[in-house]
Amino acid sequence: MKFLLFISAIILFAAANSSAQVTSVYTDLDASKCKTIEVDEEGGGLYRGECKGVGGYKLHVVEGDLRQSIDVISPGGGQRQLKFWDVSSAFSYVGNKAEWRVRRGVPFALIVRFNISENPEDTRKITSLLVVSKITRDGSCVTDVVRPQANQNAVARRLADASAAKPCKFSYEDE
């Protein structure tokens, strides 16, 4: 009986210890906090800004035709477009911060607020989604989209923490 209690205590300690290792680290996405690396106002208003990330990763905020998205830049320089316009083709913009889910200093998921104008008749009416993406050695992709709800942030974190085992929501070609 003491042996079973000992084993149970070890299992509970390990489970508590592993879940405690997941933390959130935030990246500012505001243009004033990121380095502008490309602007082309004549060719559809293209903008690309580079924002500091976590664990050697960077984020590029990309805008064209009044729609924004995020590209994840790996420590080795590889780029993976998350293609938020596959989430919605409506006019859109990302929130001011990205939330990295990190375990032992290594990011494994990303949560970004994605504000879309779903009503073409009233572009002031905005729907605020949370886009969850997994980050792996092989690349990054969107796994979930969380629509507005009372516990939207908590739901997005749970989905992010389970994202490694999920398929990509959209098809991605290697870039």
Protein backbone atom coordinates (compact mmCIF):
# COMPACT_ATOMS: atom_id res chain seq x y z
CA MET A 1 0.00 0.00 0.00
CA LYS A 2 2.84 2.41 0.85
CA PHE A 3 4.41 1.56 -2.52
CA LEU A 4 1.20 2.56 -4.36
CA LEU A 5 1.02 5.82 -2.40
CA PHE A 6 4.66 6.51 -3.25
CA ILE A 7 4.10 5.84 -6.96
CA SER A 8 0.93 7.98 -6.93
CA ALA A 9 2.83 10.84 -5.29
CA ILE A 10 5.59 10.64 -7.92
CA ILE A 11 3.04 10.66 -10.75
CA LEU A 12 1.20 13.66 -9.27
CA PHE A 13 4.47 15.53 -8.72
CA ALA A 14 5.61 14.84 -12.29
CA ALA A 15 2.27 15.94 -13.73
CA ALA A 16 2.26 19.14 -11.65
CA ASN A 17 5.90 19.83 -12.50
CA SER A 18 5.44 19.36 -16.27
CA SER A 19 2.33 21.56 -16.45
CA ALA A 20 4.06 24.24 -14.37
CA GLN A 21 6.79 24.45 -16.99
CA VAL A 22 4.42 25.90 -19.61
CA THR A 23 4.54 29.67 -19.50
CA SER A 24 3.39 32.57 -21.63
CA VAL A 25 5.78 35.12 -23.09
CA TYR A 26 4.49 38.10 -25.05
CA THR A 27 5.74 39.86 -28.18
CA ASP A 28 4.66 43.39 -29.06
CA LEU A 29 3.19 43.53 -32.57
CA ASP A 30 2.55 47.26 -32.63
CA ALA A 31 4.34 48.88 -35.59
CA SER A 32 6.06 51.34 -33.25
CA LYS A 33 7.70 48.43 -31.38
CA CYS A 34 8.75 46.48 -34.49
CA LYS A 35 11.37 47.20 -37.13
CA THR A 36 9.88 48.20 -40.50
CA ILE A 37 11.57 46.08 -43.16
CA GLU A 38 9.34 46.77 -46.16
CA VAL A 39 6.79 49.39 -47.21
CA ASP A 40 5.21 49.72 -50.65
CA GLU A 41 2.26 52.11 -50.47
CA GLU A 42 1.76 52.19 -54.24
CA GLY A 43 1.59 48.42 -54.75
CA GLY A 44 -1.45 47.69 -52.59
CA GLY A 45 -0.12 49.12 -49.33
CA LEU A 46 2.26 46.29 -48.53
CA TYR A 47 3.90 46.52 -45.11
CA ARG A 48 6.23 44.08 -43.35
CA GLY A 49 7.49 44.67 -39.82
CA GLU A 50 9.85 42.43 -37.85
CA CYS A 51 9.06 41.91 -34.18
CA LYS A 52 11.28 40.27 -31.57
CA GLY A 53 10.19 36.79 -30.58
CA VAL A 54 11.20 34.04 -28.19
CA GLY A 55 13.90 31.37 -28.36
CA GLY A 56 15.49 32.84 -31.49
CA TYR A 57 12.15 33.11 -33.34
CA LYS A 58 10.88 36.39 -34.82
CA LEU A 59 7.47 37.42 -36.09
CA HIS A 60 6.76 39.39 -39.23
CA VAL A 61 3.55 41.37 -39.30
CA VAL A 62 2.48 41.48 -42.94
CA GLU A 63 -0.18 43.78 -44.38
CA GLY A 64 -1.57 44.11 -47.87
CA ASP A 65 -4.95 45.30 -49.16
CA LEU A 66 -6.10 46.19 -45.61
CA ARG A 67 -5.55 42.61 -44.39
CA GLN A 68 -2.91 41.49 -41.93
CA SER A 69 -1.21 38.20 -41.18
CA ILE A 70 1.79 36.83 -39.32
CA ASP A 71 4.87 35.03 -40.62
CA VAL A 72 6.96 33.00 -38.17
CA ILE A 73 10.71 33.27 -38.75
CA SER A 74 12.66 30.36 -37.25
CA PRO A 75 16.06 30.74 -35.54
CA GLY A 76 17.69 29.38 -38.73
CA GLY A 77 15.94 32.05 -40.84
CA GLY A 78 13.23 29.83 -42.34
CA GLN A 79 9.90 31.55 -42.88
CA ARG A 80 6.43 30.07 -42.45
CA GLN A 81 3.45 32.17 -43.49
CA LEU A 82 0.46 31.58 -41.22
CA LYS A 83 -1.86 33.02 -43.90
CA PHE A 84 -4.50 34.51 -41.64
CA TRP A 85 -6.47 35.44 -44.78
CA ASP A 86 -7.36 31.72 -44.91
CA VAL A 87 -9.06 32.28 -41.53
CA SER A 88 -11.04 35.17 -43.04
CA SER A 89 -10.71 37.15 -46.26
CA ALA A 90 -12.38 40.18 -44.61
CA PHE A 91 -10.51 43.39 -43.85
CA SER A 92 -8.45 42.57 -40.79
CA TYR A 93 -5.70 43.49 -38.37
CA VAL A 94 -3.78 41.62 -35.69
CA GLY A 95 -3.83 42.61 -32.03
CA ASN A 96 -1.01 44.49 -30.30
CA LYS A 97 0.54 41.38 -28.71
CA ALA A 98 1.29 37.78 -29.59
CA GLU A 99 1.32 35.15 -26.84
CA TRP A 100 3.97 32.43 -27.12
CA ARG A 101 3.38 29.22 -25.19
CA VAL A 102 6.81 28.15 -23.99
CA ARG A 103 8.18 25.03 -22.33
CA ARG A 104 11.75 25.09 -20.97
CA GLY A 105 12.52 28.24 -22.97
CA VAL A 106 11.36 26.75 -26.28
CA PRO A 107 8.19 28.10 -27.94
CA PHE A 108 5.76 25.43 -29.13
CA ALA A 109 2.63 27.46 -29.87
CA LEU A 110 1.52 31.00 -30.68
CA ILE A 111 -1.77 32.80 -29.99
CA VAL A 112 -2.59 35.99 -31.88
CA ARG A 113 -5.71 38.13 -31.67
CA PHE A 114 -7.15 38.58 -35.15
CA ASN A 115 -9.76 41.29 -35.62
CA ILE A 116 -11.95 40.95 -38.68
CA SER A 117 -14.65 43.05 -40.27
CA GLU A 118 -17.23 40.40 -41.19
CA ASN A 119 -19.93 42.87 -42.23
CA PRO A 120 -19.07 44.69 -45.49
CA GLU A 121 -21.99 47.06 -44.85
CA ASP A 122 -20.52 48.19 -41.51
CA THR A 123 -16.72 47.80 -41.41
CA ARG A 124 -16.68 49.29 -37.90
CA LYS A 125 -18.28 46.12 -36.55
CA ILE A 126 -15.31 43.93 -35.60
CA THR A 127 -15.20 40.27 -34.57
CA SER A 128 -12.18 39.48 -32.40
CA LEU A 129 -10.86 35.94 -32.94
CA LEU A 130 -7.89 34.18 -31.36
CA VAL A 131 -5.76 32.27 -33.87
CA VAL A 132 -3.78 29.36 -32.42
CA SER A 133 -0.71 28.09 -34.27
CA LYS A 134 1.71 25.30 -33.49
CA ILE A 135 5.44 25.81 -33.82
CA THR A 136 7.66 22.83 -34.58
CA ARG A 137 11.11 22.22 -36.02
CA ASP A 138 9.39 21.48 -39.33
CA GLY A 139 7.45 24.74 -39.41
CA SER A 140 4.39 26.49 -38.08
CA CYS A 141 0.72 26.44 -39.00
CA VAL A 142 -2.72 27.44 -37.75
CA THR A 143 -4.43 24.66 -35.80
CA ASP A 144 -7.45 26.41 -34.25
CA VAL A 145 -9.54 29.56 -34.38
CA VAL A 146 -11.41 30.58 -31.23
CA ARG A 147 -14.48 32.74 -31.75
CA PRO A 148 -15.54 35.27 -29.10
CA GLN A 149 -16.76 33.69 -25.86
CA ALA A 150 -16.54 34.36 -22.14
CA ASN A 151 -13.44 32.21 -21.63
CA GLN A 152 -11.81 32.81 -25.02
CA ASN A 153 -8.25 33.25 -23.70
CA ALA A 154 -8.36 30.12 -21.53
CA VAL A 155 -9.78 28.06 -24.41
CA ALA A 156 -7.04 29.32 -26.74
CA ARG A 157 -4.33 28.41 -24.20
CA ARG A 158 -5.72 24.88 -23.78
CA LEU A 159 -5.82 24.44 -27.57
CA ALA A 160 -2.30 25.87 -27.92
CA ASP A 161 -0.95 23.50 -25.27
CA ALA A 162 -2.38 20.55 -27.25
CA SER A 163 -1.48 21.93 -30.71
CA ALA A 164 1.58 19.74 -31.34
CA ALA A 165 -0.66 16.71 -31.88
CA LYS A 166 -3.10 18.55 -34.16
CA PRO A 167 -3.08 18.80 -37.95
CA CYS A 168 -2.80 22.11 -39.75
CA LYS A 169 -6.18 23.76 -40.31
CA PHE A 170 -5.21 24.86 -43.82
CA SER A 171 -2.95 23.27 -46.38
CA TYR A 172 0.53 24.76 -46.47
CA GLU A 173 3.24 24.33 -49.04
CA ASP A 174 6.85 24.35 -47.89
CA GLU A 175 8.28 27.84 -48.17
